[in-house]
Amino acid sequence: MRQQVPYLDAPGPLGFAHRGGASAGDENTTAAFARAVGLGYRYIETDTHATADGVAVVFHDDTLRRLLGRPGRMIDLRWADLQTERVGGAAAVPRLDEVLDAYPDIRFNIDTKTEHAVAPTVEVVERLKAHERVLLASFSSARLRRMRRLAGSAVATSMGMREVAGLWAAYRTGRRYTPAETVVAIQIPPRYGRIPLATAKLVDYAHRCGLQVHLWTIDDPDEIAHFLDLGVDGIMTDHIEVLRDVYIQRGIWP
């Protein structure tokens, strides 16, 4: 196994509040994060974009339509354009540095959504010296390679889609797979189309490669229990009360 990194030094399996607990409708907001932390979560999954003037902000979509109900692309807006946006009276779009400052004891799984957000996201991690409490993630393997170059070996990362495909191919053919230096986890959905990804054999293979297995996004209590029985190391959920209750029943809630 690879040497344990500070980001993963909590007792497992880990419970991640996906976007702070997206089922409540105020995803990726300070209110959502406060609610998750109040329930006992110590790992939060979130997303970053960057504004036109290079400010790393916590937001999932490329556009404002779904979450804020108005037109506009995040990449075209300046930070000053977003400061007045409110959801329930609170800031709708937090800055990444504000979130990391507010929760110094919480671990953040940061999915960087665009190439434009790579450098601003890494700059915040560097400036706040948050290397040991963040994991950088992305669907894009190319984006992740750039983040690894910028952040160096001190920041944990997961795998992009091409890397996951490479590990899957190696697993299926019985070959050895060697992850990039900073990769500590494979983060996958339980299935891809009709193909089951999260199987006991794949979990065992990932563990033999020195990697944890984190699943997204699991909201059903029976499915949560099933994947815990398979030996996964972490589960991301939108329904944060549901996952917490399953963990409590099993005596694994932190």
Foldseek 3Di string as FASTA:
>chain_A
DDDDALQQPDDWLAEEAEQLQCVVPLGVFPVSVVVLVVLPHQEYEWEWDAACVGFTKTDDDQFCCPNQNDGDGRNDHDPVVQQPRDDPRGRSIGTPLVVCVVCVRGAYEYEYEDLSNLVNVLVSCVVVVVQRRYEYEYQDQVSVVVNCVSNDQSHAYAHHVVVLVVLVVCLVVVHQDADPRRYAAHEEAQADVPGGDLALSSQVNCVVNNHAYEHPDDEDLVVLVVSVVSPHRYHYYSHSVSNQVSCVVVVNRD
